[in-house]
Amino acid sequence: MRFLDGSRMQGQFISFDTGEGIHWKSPHSPVPLQFAGEGLHTVNLTTRQKVVPTGQFSARLELHNGDMLLGDVLELNDQHIVFKSWFAGQLAGPRESVRSVTFFNHGVNTIYQGPGMHGFEGWKIGAPNTWAMRDGYFVGGQGAFIGREFELPRRSSVKFDLMFMGALNAIVSLHSDNVARYNFISRGYQLTLGMGYVHLARGGVDRPGMTPMGTARFAVPNGGIPTRFEVRLDRERGVIALLVNNQMVHRWTDPAGFAGAENGISLLSRSQSVSWGGIHITEWDGGFQEGTPALTNITEPMITLVNHDTFSAEVKTIQEKALDLRTEGIDLSVPMERVRQLNFPKPLLKTPIGAPVVVQAKLLTGERLTISGLNYVRQFGAVTNAVGVRPVTGGTATGKTVMFQDINLNPGWITELNFNSETRLRPFVIPGFGPDGRWTLQ
């Protein structure tokens, strides 16, 4: 649990509700502790589910409040949208909440989600006792190496979070033939991540040794706060792209063709300590958000086709695998496999949409839901409040969302709760405690 002042506390999450705040079990307290939501920033939850029920998604839904969902669009018109999610089944809501819908012609397949309950299962460690599991992260010191083979598709997206002590210095190898120990000369690609820079090198049977492919710069991350990295790889086009915190850093194209015939992914820590988690490997559709972004400041719906043609139109309905629209006085029916993205203007303020922001819940797949009136219980037990002992008989997460109103989630699908998103988190800098500091009672 992270507080807005930068301090942290480890323990066991019991429950949260909007009125009472968080109930928290600490090994240093004989009774559960209670914290109001006003001073909280983030609660990172240990993943209790091994796999997502389904990894196939045909669309990405982005809302005007920044929420993002994966699933299938069953129906859409000028008034509402019917959306099939993996976490709550079929949902219906007002279309005016929707900012954009991006369609994947073949679906998005999840290859790996972890570490979570998987832990070290399937991973190879370079030397014993160099890694530990802590708060859902692999944590290793200087020289620690960990790797694993995956069934990587032709196009893949590899997302992960990094935290570190000291200066960031880590090597991430992709499509590598070395997963049991680090070897500088290897097949595939090596990304060296440093303080504000990334260096890409290529290794392959056609060229001995490692060939530098260039260096790019990005904003220097704060080691005590997770930084989100994503690498997108395309074997057919020879593309390797890096995004940091959802912003494109650089896109390389290998002039010699893609070097990665193997399927290994690994990390070598050269920092004092590295925490590696939130690993999410999926099939990638081959597109870039900067190529088909969710358009802003538009006054009427915009349609983007797979050939990147973009035009304005009245979106009438989506049903039976076709988009019916009207543009320039002409009615058209476009097969959905030809549609890349729909963008909608922001609704006028006179039409309220949803309830005020309270908590942002992050799901296993990286999706985000803003929930008001959240009542979230993750385990059985009892909590003590102002009126005595109240039994916790939960295992549910309920509340209201901007898009779909009442919602009931399996709490095991939630990996993170974010509070007070408009307030910037201060780094933990109490002298003598370092980035792994502890919460201090006043």
Protein backbone atom coordinates (compact mmCIF):
# COMPACT_ATOMS: atom_id res chain seq x y z
CA MET A 1 0.00 0.00 0.00
CA ARG A 2 1.37 3.41 -1.03
CA PHE A 3 0.38 6.73 0.51
CA LEU A 4 0.39 10.12 -1.19
CA ASP A 5 3.35 11.21 0.97
CA GLY A 6 5.43 8.42 -0.61
CA SER A 7 5.49 6.09 2.40
CA ARG A 8 4.56 2.44 2.10
CA MET A 9 3.16 -0.37 4.18
CA GLN A 10 3.18 -4.10 3.57
CA GLY A 11 0.45 -6.33 4.90
CA GLN A 12 -2.75 -8.17 4.05
CA PHE A 13 -5.69 -6.44 2.36
CA ILE A 14 -9.01 -7.26 4.01
CA SER A 15 -11.62 -4.96 2.51
CA PHE A 16 -12.47 -1.51 1.20
CA ASP A 17 -15.65 0.44 1.03
CA THR A 18 -16.27 4.07 0.19
CA GLY A 19 -17.53 4.98 3.65
CA GLU A 20 -15.07 3.12 5.88
CA GLY A 21 -11.91 3.14 3.77
CA ILE A 22 -9.40 0.30 3.82
CA HIS A 23 -9.17 -2.39 6.49
CA TRP A 24 -5.63 -3.71 6.58
CA LYS A 25 -3.97 -6.50 8.52
CA SER A 26 -0.40 -5.83 9.57
CA PRO A 27 1.89 -8.37 11.27
CA HIS A 28 2.86 -5.57 13.68
CA SER A 29 -0.68 -4.93 14.91
CA PRO A 30 -2.91 -7.31 16.93
CA VAL A 31 -6.04 -5.83 15.32
CA PRO A 32 -6.76 -4.78 11.73
CA LEU A 33 -5.88 -1.19 10.87
CA GLN A 34 -8.21 1.23 9.12
CA PHE A 35 -7.16 3.97 6.67
CA ALA A 36 -9.27 6.64 4.99
CA GLY A 37 -9.03 6.86 1.22
CA GLU A 38 -8.01 10.55 1.21
CA GLY A 39 -4.34 9.80 1.93
CA LEU A 40 -3.96 6.72 -0.27
CA HIS A 41 -2.41 6.42 -3.70
CA THR A 42 -2.12 2.74 -4.68
CA VAL A 43 -2.79 -0.73 -3.32
CA ASN A 44 -0.96 -3.50 -5.18
CA LEU A 45 -2.72 -6.82 -4.74
CA THR A 46 -1.22 -10.28 -5.08
CA THR A 47 -2.77 -12.03 -8.07
CA ARG A 48 -4.88 -14.97 -6.97
CA GLN A 49 -6.04 -16.15 -10.37
CA LYS A 50 -3.69 -18.16 -12.56
CA VAL A 51 -5.25 -17.37 -15.93
CA VAL A 52 -7.75 -15.03 -17.53
CA PRO A 53 -10.94 -16.97 -18.47
CA THR A 54 -10.45 -16.13 -22.14
CA GLY A 55 -7.57 -14.46 -23.92
CA GLN A 56 -9.40 -13.75 -27.17
CA PHE A 57 -10.62 -10.19 -27.67
CA SER A 58 -11.88 -8.59 -30.87
CA ALA A 59 -12.07 -4.96 -29.69
CA ARG A 60 -10.56 -2.39 -27.34
CA LEU A 61 -13.02 0.09 -25.83
CA GLU A 62 -11.70 3.45 -24.57
CA LEU A 63 -13.94 5.77 -22.58
CA HIS A 64 -13.79 9.54 -22.24
CA ASN A 65 -12.68 9.19 -18.61
CA GLY A 66 -9.59 7.14 -19.61
CA ASP A 67 -10.94 3.67 -18.79
CA MET A 68 -9.99 0.89 -21.19
CA LEU A 69 -11.73 -2.47 -21.69
CA LEU A 70 -11.11 -5.52 -23.89
CA GLY A 71 -13.91 -7.68 -25.29
CA ASP A 72 -16.40 -7.91 -28.14
CA VAL A 73 -18.85 -5.31 -29.46
CA LEU A 74 -22.19 -7.07 -29.92
CA GLU A 75 -24.27 -4.04 -30.87
CA LEU A 76 -23.79 -0.29 -31.20
CA ASN A 77 -26.02 2.61 -32.27
CA ASP A 78 -26.30 6.32 -31.52
CA GLN A 79 -27.81 5.65 -28.08
CA HIS A 80 -26.12 2.64 -26.51
CA ILE A 81 -23.47 -0.05 -26.82
CA VAL A 82 -23.70 -3.74 -25.91
CA PHE A 83 -20.31 -5.10 -24.99
CA LYS A 84 -19.22 -8.62 -24.03
CA SER A 85 -16.46 -8.60 -21.42
CA TRP A 86 -14.51 -11.57 -20.11
CA PHE A 87 -14.93 -10.44 -16.48
CA ALA A 88 -18.66 -9.61 -16.30
CA GLY A 89 -20.31 -11.13 -19.36
CA GLN A 90 -22.64 -9.01 -21.49
CA LEU A 91 -22.83 -5.34 -20.48
CA ALA A 92 -24.83 -2.43 -21.89
CA GLY A 93 -24.24 1.29 -21.48
CA PRO A 94 -24.65 4.72 -23.09
CA ARG A 95 -22.64 5.26 -26.25
CA GLU A 96 -21.86 8.87 -25.26
CA SER A 97 -19.38 7.48 -22.70
CA VAL A 98 -17.31 5.91 -25.51
CA ARG A 99 -14.29 7.76 -26.85
CA SER A 100 -13.11 5.13 -29.34
CA VAL A 101 -13.46 1.50 -30.35
CA THR A 102 -10.48 -0.24 -31.95
CA PHE A 103 -11.15 -3.54 -33.70
CA PHE A 104 -8.78 -6.50 -33.99
CA ASN A 105 -9.62 -8.62 -37.00
CA HIS A 106 -8.23 -11.84 -35.55
CA GLY A 107 -8.56 -11.22 -31.83
CA VAL A 108 -5.81 -10.71 -29.28
CA ASN A 109 -4.39 -13.87 -27.73
CA THR A 110 -2.85 -13.81 -24.24
CA ILE A 111 0.32 -15.92 -24.04
CA TYR A 112 1.39 -15.17 -20.45
CA GLN A 113 0.17 -13.16 -17.49
CA GLY A 114 2.25 -13.10 -14.33
CA PRO A 115 4.09 -13.69 -12.13
CA GLY A 116 1.00 -13.75 -9.86
CA MET A 117 0.26 -17.21 -8.55
CA HIS A 118 2.51 -18.71 -11.23
CA GLY A 119 5.56 -17.55 -9.30
CA PHE A 120 8.75 -19.04 -10.71
CA GLU A 121 6.94 -21.90 -12.43
CA GLY A 122 8.45 -22.39 -15.89
CA TRP A 123 11.24 -19.84 -15.33
CA LYS A 124 14.96 -20.63 -15.26
CA ILE A 125 17.20 -18.79 -12.80
CA GLY A 126 20.87 -18.22 -13.57
CA ALA A 127 22.06 -18.96 -10.03
CA PRO A 128 20.23 -20.17 -6.90
CA ASN A 129 18.88 -17.69 -4.36
CA THR A 130 19.30 -14.69 -6.68
CA TRP A 131 15.57 -13.99 -7.00
CA ALA A 132 12.68 -13.74 -4.57
CA MET A 133 8.94 -13.13 -4.91
CA ARG A 134 7.71 -9.95 -3.24
CA ASP A 135 4.37 -8.18 -3.72
CA GLY A 136 3.79 -9.91 -7.05
CA TYR A 137 7.26 -9.03 -8.42
CA PHE A 138 10.41 -10.98 -9.17
CA VAL A 139 13.04 -9.19 -7.05
CA GLY A 140 16.74 -9.70 -7.82
CA GLY A 141 20.02 -8.06 -6.99
CA GLN A 142 22.99 -7.14 -9.13
CA GLY A 143 23.85 -9.93 -11.56
CA ALA A 144 20.56 -11.80 -11.10
CA PHE A 145 19.32 -13.50 -14.29
CA ILE A 146 15.94 -15.07 -15.08
CA GLY A 147 14.53 -16.37 -18.37
CA ARG A 148 11.86 -18.52 -19.95
CA GLU A 149 10.70 -19.80 -23.34
CA PHE A 150 7.25 -18.91 -24.70
CA GLU A 151 5.21 -19.78 -27.76
CA LEU A 152 5.61 -16.33 -29.31
CA PRO A 153 3.41 -15.52 -32.34
CA ARG A 154 4.47 -13.70 -35.52
CA ARG A 155 3.65 -10.40 -33.85
CA SER A 156 3.82 -10.00 -30.10
CA SER A 157 3.55 -7.38 -27.37
CA VAL A 158 5.65 -7.83 -24.23
CA LYS A 159 4.60 -5.53 -21.37
CA PHE A 160 6.19 -5.37 -17.94
CA ASP A 161 6.73 -3.10 -14.93
CA LEU A 162 10.17 -2.27 -13.53
CA MET A 163 11.22 -0.77 -10.20
CA PHE A 164 14.83 -0.44 -9.11
CA MET A 165 17.23 0.79 -6.44
CA GLY A 166 20.18 2.99 -7.37
CA ALA A 167 20.46 3.57 -11.11
CA LEU A 168 18.44 1.64 -13.67
CA ASN A 169 20.62 -0.84 -15.53
CA ALA A 170 18.94 -3.96 -16.91
CA ILE A 171 19.14 -6.04 -20.07
CA VAL A 172 15.96 -7.52 -21.52
CA SER A 173 16.52 -10.20 -24.17
CA LEU A 174 13.74 -11.06 -26.63
CA HIS A 175 13.48 -13.96 -29.08
CA SER A 176 16.68 -15.17 -27.43
CA ASP A 177 18.31 -18.60 -27.46
CA ASN A 178 19.64 -18.06 -23.90
CA VAL A 179 17.14 -18.55 -21.09
CA ALA A 180 19.24 -20.52 -18.57
CA ARG A 181 22.07 -17.98 -18.15
CA TYR A 182 23.09 -14.65 -19.60
CA ASN A 183 25.35 -14.64 -22.63
CA PHE A 184 26.21 -11.33 -24.29
CA ILE A 185 26.51 -13.06 -27.67
CA SER A 186 23.09 -14.55 -28.33
CA ARG A 187 20.48 -14.74 -31.04
CA GLY A 188 17.57 -12.34 -31.02
CA TYR A 189 17.57 -8.83 -29.56
CA GLN A 190 18.89 -7.23 -26.39
CA LEU A 191 17.45 -4.02 -24.94
CA THR A 192 19.74 -2.33 -22.43
CA LEU A 193 17.61 -0.06 -20.23
CA GLY A 194 19.42 2.75 -18.42
CA MET A 195 18.67 6.06 -16.75
CA GLY A 196 16.77 7.75 -19.54
CA TYR A 197 18.12 5.75 -22.45
CA VAL A 198 17.64 2.42 -24.22
CA HIS A 199 20.17 0.68 -26.46
CA LEU A 200 19.17 -2.07 -28.91
CA ALA A 201 21.57 -4.76 -30.15
CA ARG A 202 20.97 -7.61 -32.59
CA GLY A 203 22.40 -11.12 -32.60
CA GLY A 204 21.95 -13.78 -35.28
CA VAL A 205 23.54 -16.71 -37.06
CA ASP A 206 24.08 -14.61 -40.19
CA ARG A 207 26.22 -12.07 -38.30
CA PRO A 208 28.63 -13.11 -35.52
CA GLY A 209 28.51 -11.17 -32.27
CA MET A 210 26.06 -8.42 -31.35
CA THR A 211 25.34 -5.63 -33.81
CA PRO A 212 24.31 -2.23 -32.36
CA MET A 213 21.05 -0.92 -33.80
CA GLY A 214 20.92 2.44 -32.07
CA THR A 215 20.10 4.33 -28.87
CA ALA A 216 16.96 6.27 -27.95
CA ARG A 217 16.07 8.54 -25.02
CA PHE A 218 13.10 8.61 -22.68
CA ALA A 219 12.16 10.42 -19.47
CA VAL A 220 14.22 9.26 -16.49
CA PRO A 221 11.97 7.03 -14.36
CA ASN A 222 11.58 7.18 -10.59
CA GLY A 223 12.95 3.91 -9.27
CA GLY A 224 10.47 3.65 -6.41
CA ILE A 225 7.43 3.86 -8.69
CA PRO A 226 6.66 1.16 -11.30
CA THR A 227 7.59 2.19 -14.84
CA ARG A 228 5.57 0.48 -17.57
CA PHE A 229 7.57 -0.81 -20.54
CA GLU A 230 6.17 -2.40 -23.69
CA VAL A 231 8.12 -3.98 -26.54
CA ARG A 232 6.30 -4.73 -29.79
CA LEU A 233 7.88 -7.22 -32.18
CA ASP A 234 6.94 -8.08 -35.76
CA ARG A 235 8.85 -10.98 -37.35
CA GLU A 236 7.51 -10.33 -40.85
CA ARG A 237 8.38 -6.62 -41.01
CA GLY A 238 11.49 -6.82 -38.83
CA VAL A 239 10.08 -4.25 -36.40
CA ILE A 240 11.13 -3.78 -32.76
CA ALA A 241 9.39 -0.90 -30.96
CA LEU A 242 9.63 0.36 -27.38
CA LEU A 243 6.97 2.26 -25.44
CA VAL A 244 7.48 3.66 -21.93
CA ASN A 245 4.39 4.49 -19.88
CA ASN A 246 2.31 4.11 -23.08
CA GLN A 247 4.43 6.67 -24.98
CA MET A 248 6.37 5.64 -28.08
CA VAL A 249 10.13 5.94 -27.50
CA HIS A 250 11.51 4.50 -30.73
CA ARG A 251 10.71 2.07 -33.52
CA TRP A 252 13.55 0.14 -35.13
CA THR A 253 13.37 -1.78 -38.41
CA ASP A 254 16.02 -4.47 -38.85
CA PRO A 255 17.50 -4.04 -42.36
CA ALA A 256 18.82 -7.61 -42.29
CA GLY A 257 15.42 -9.09 -41.48
CA PHE A 258 14.13 -10.27 -38.13
CA ALA A 259 16.80 -12.14 -36.18
CA GLY A 260 14.58 -13.90 -33.68
CA ALA A 261 13.92 -17.51 -34.61
CA GLU A 262 13.91 -18.54 -30.92
CA ASN A 263 11.28 -17.80 -28.31
CA GLY A 264 13.19 -16.95 -25.14
CA ILE A 265 12.61 -13.86 -22.98
CA SER A 266 14.96 -12.98 -20.14
CA LEU A 267 16.10 -10.20 -17.82
CA LEU A 268 19.53 -9.50 -16.35
CA SER A 269 19.76 -7.06 -13.44
CA ARG A 270 22.80 -4.82 -13.27
CA SER A 271 21.19 -2.49 -10.76
CA GLN A 272 21.53 -2.71 -7.00
CA SER A 273 18.07 -4.26 -7.05
CA VAL A 274 15.39 -4.74 -9.71
CA SER A 275 11.72 -5.63 -9.27
CA TRP A 276 10.17 -7.14 -12.41
CA GLY A 277 6.43 -7.78 -12.57
CA GLY A 278 3.16 -7.09 -14.33
CA ILE A 279 4.43 -9.22 -17.23
CA HIS A 280 1.78 -9.45 -19.95
CA ILE A 281 2.64 -11.14 -23.25
CA THR A 282 0.00 -11.05 -25.97
CA GLU A 283 -0.41 -11.40 -29.68
CA TRP A 284 -0.13 -7.97 -31.30
CA ASP A 285 -2.29 -6.82 -34.19
CA GLY A 286 0.64 -5.06 -35.88
CA GLY A 287 -0.73 -1.54 -35.55
CA PHE A 288 0.60 1.46 -33.66
CA GLN A 289 -1.57 3.82 -31.67
CA GLU A 290 0.23 6.76 -33.19
CA GLY A 291 -0.87 5.43 -36.59
CA THR A 292 -4.55 5.23 -35.65
CA PRO A 293 -4.93 7.26 -32.46
CA ALA A 294 -8.17 7.99 -30.70
CA LEU A 295 -8.88 11.37 -32.28
CA THR A 296 -9.44 14.36 -29.99
CA ASN A 297 -11.42 17.58 -30.35
CA ILE A 298 -13.68 16.12 -33.01
CA THR A 299 -17.29 17.27 -33.40
CA GLU A 300 -18.71 14.25 -35.21
CA PRO A 301 -17.91 10.52 -35.40
CA MET A 302 -14.82 9.53 -37.39
CA ILE A 303 -14.23 6.13 -39.00
CA THR A 304 -10.78 4.70 -39.81
CA LEU A 305 -10.53 1.70 -42.14
CA VAL A 306 -7.78 -0.91 -42.18
CA ASN A 307 -6.15 0.88 -45.15
CA HIS A 308 -5.94 4.02 -42.89
CA ASP A 309 -8.61 5.97 -44.81
CA THR A 310 -10.35 8.24 -42.28
CA PHE A 311 -13.64 10.09 -42.80
CA SER A 312 -16.56 11.50 -40.82
CA ALA A 313 -19.93 9.79 -40.85
CA GLU A 314 -23.10 9.19 -38.88
CA VAL A 315 -22.66 5.81 -37.19
CA LYS A 316 -26.06 4.15 -37.33
CA THR A 317 -25.50 0.64 -36.00
CA ILE A 318 -23.16 -2.34 -35.68
CA GLN A 319 -24.80 -5.72 -35.94
CA GLU A 320 -24.40 -8.96 -37.87
CA LYS A 321 -20.72 -8.27 -38.62
CA ALA A 322 -21.37 -5.01 -40.49
CA LEU A 323 -21.14 -1.29 -39.74
CA ASP A 324 -24.06 0.72 -41.12
CA LEU A 325 -23.31 4.41 -41.56
CA ARG A 326 -24.34 7.50 -43.48
CA THR A 327 -21.84 9.88 -45.04
CA GLU A 328 -22.40 12.70 -47.50
CA GLY A 329 -26.05 11.70 -47.82
CA ILE A 330 -25.22 8.11 -48.78
CA ASP A 331 -26.07 5.02 -46.69
CA LEU A 332 -23.27 2.46 -46.57
CA SER A 333 -22.75 -0.96 -45.02
CA VAL A 334 -19.09 -1.78 -44.34
CA PRO A 335 -17.94 -5.30 -43.33
CA MET A 336 -16.40 -5.20 -39.86
CA GLU A 337 -13.16 -6.78 -41.08
CA ARG A 338 -12.59 -3.54 -43.01
CA VAL A 339 -13.07 -1.30 -39.94
CA ARG A 340 -10.04 -0.39 -37.84
CA GLN A 341 -11.35 2.25 -35.43
CA LEU A 342 -14.36 4.39 -34.48
CA ASN A 343 -13.86 7.73 -32.73
CA PHE A 344 -16.65 9.67 -31.05
CA PRO A 345 -16.80 13.31 -29.89
CA LYS A 346 -16.90 14.14 -26.21
CA PRO A 347 -20.50 14.64 -25.04
CA LEU A 348 -21.75 18.05 -24.00
CA LEU A 349 -21.48 18.78 -20.27
CA LYS A 350 -25.24 19.17 -20.01
CA THR A 351 -25.50 15.39 -20.36
CA PRO A 352 -23.98 13.87 -17.21
CA ILE A 353 -22.26 10.52 -17.62
CA GLY A 354 -21.65 8.38 -14.58
CA ALA A 355 -20.68 9.16 -11.01
CA PRO A 356 -17.65 11.04 -9.64
CA VAL A 357 -14.30 9.26 -9.75
CA VAL A 358 -13.53 7.35 -6.56
CA VAL A 359 -11.31 4.34 -7.28
CA GLN A 360 -9.59 3.12 -10.43
CA ALA A 361 -9.31 -0.67 -10.54
CA LYS A 362 -6.65 -2.28 -12.72
CA LEU A 363 -7.46 -5.78 -13.98
CA LEU A 364 -5.24 -8.75 -14.84
CA THR A 365 -5.20 -7.84 -18.53
CA GLY A 366 -4.15 -4.23 -17.93
CA GLU A 367 -7.72 -2.96 -18.36
CA ARG A 368 -8.93 -0.09 -16.17
CA LEU A 369 -12.34 0.51 -14.61
CA THR A 370 -13.29 3.64 -12.66
CA ILE A 371 -15.67 2.58 -9.88
CA SER A 372 -17.69 4.72 -7.48
CA GLY A 373 -19.25 3.36 -4.30
CA LEU A 374 -16.76 0.48 -4.36
CA ASN A 375 -17.34 -2.28 -1.82
CA TYR A 376 -14.48 -4.73 -2.15
CA VAL A 377 -13.83 -7.72 0.10
CA ARG A 378 -11.02 -10.08 -0.71
CA GLN A 379 -10.99 -12.51 2.19
CA PHE A 380 -12.99 -13.81 5.12
CA GLY A 381 -12.46 -12.55 8.64
CA ALA A 382 -13.63 -9.68 10.81
CA VAL A 383 -12.84 -5.98 11.09
CA THR A 384 -13.26 -3.62 14.00
CA ASN A 385 -14.85 -0.25 13.39
CA ALA A 386 -16.46 2.50 15.46
CA VAL A 387 -19.50 0.41 16.29
CA GLY A 388 -17.69 -2.82 17.12
CA VAL A 389 -16.72 -5.97 15.26
CA ARG A 390 -18.20 -6.39 11.79
CA PRO A 391 -17.83 -9.79 10.07
CA VAL A 392 -16.37 -9.85 6.59
CA THR A 393 -18.15 -12.47 4.52
CA GLY A 394 -17.06 -11.36 1.10
CA GLY A 395 -15.26 -12.34 -1.97
CA THR A 396 -16.92 -9.70 -4.14
CA ALA A 397 -16.21 -6.30 -5.65
CA THR A 398 -19.31 -4.23 -6.37
CA GLY A 399 -19.95 -0.62 -7.33
CA LYS A 400 -20.98 1.65 -10.16
CA THR A 401 -18.94 2.36 -13.29
CA VAL A 402 -19.17 5.29 -15.69
CA MET A 403 -19.99 2.96 -18.55
CA PHE A 404 -22.10 0.11 -17.24
CA GLN A 405 -23.45 1.36 -13.90
CA ASP A 406 -23.88 -1.54 -11.44
CA ILE A 407 -21.12 -4.09 -11.72
CA ASN A 408 -20.05 -7.17 -9.79
CA LEU A 409 -16.48 -8.42 -10.22
CA ASN A 410 -14.53 -11.40 -9.01
CA PRO A 411 -12.00 -9.70 -6.67
CA GLY A 412 -9.30 -12.07 -7.88
CA TRP A 413 -9.28 -10.31 -11.25
CA ILE A 414 -8.20 -6.99 -9.67
CA THR A 415 -4.45 -6.45 -9.35
CA GLU A 416 -4.33 -2.80 -8.29
CA LEU A 417 -6.50 -0.08 -6.75
CA ASN A 418 -5.63 3.56 -7.47
CA PHE A 419 -6.90 6.45 -5.35
CA ASN A 420 -6.67 10.22 -5.80
CA SER A 421 -5.39 9.89 -9.37
CA GLU A 422 -5.22 13.67 -9.82
CA THR A 423 -2.67 14.00 -6.97
CA ARG A 424 0.97 13.30 -7.78
CA LEU A 425 2.69 10.64 -5.68
CA ARG A 426 5.79 11.92 -3.88
CA PRO A 427 8.84 9.61 -3.88
CA PHE A 428 9.82 8.07 -0.57
CA VAL A 429 12.91 9.99 0.54
CA ILE A 430 13.11 9.69 4.33
CA PRO A 431 16.87 9.60 5.09
CA GLY A 432 18.14 6.15 6.02
CA PHE A 433 15.12 4.26 4.73
CA GLY A 434 15.67 4.28 0.95
CA PRO A 435 13.18 3.29 -1.74
CA ASP A 436 12.06 0.25 0.28
CA GLY A 437 11.13 2.41 3.27
CA ARG A 438 8.48 1.51 5.78
CA TRP A 439 5.35 3.27 6.97
CA THR A 440 6.07 5.18 10.20
CA LEU A 441 3.48 5.71 12.93
CA GLN A 442 3.41 9.31 14.18
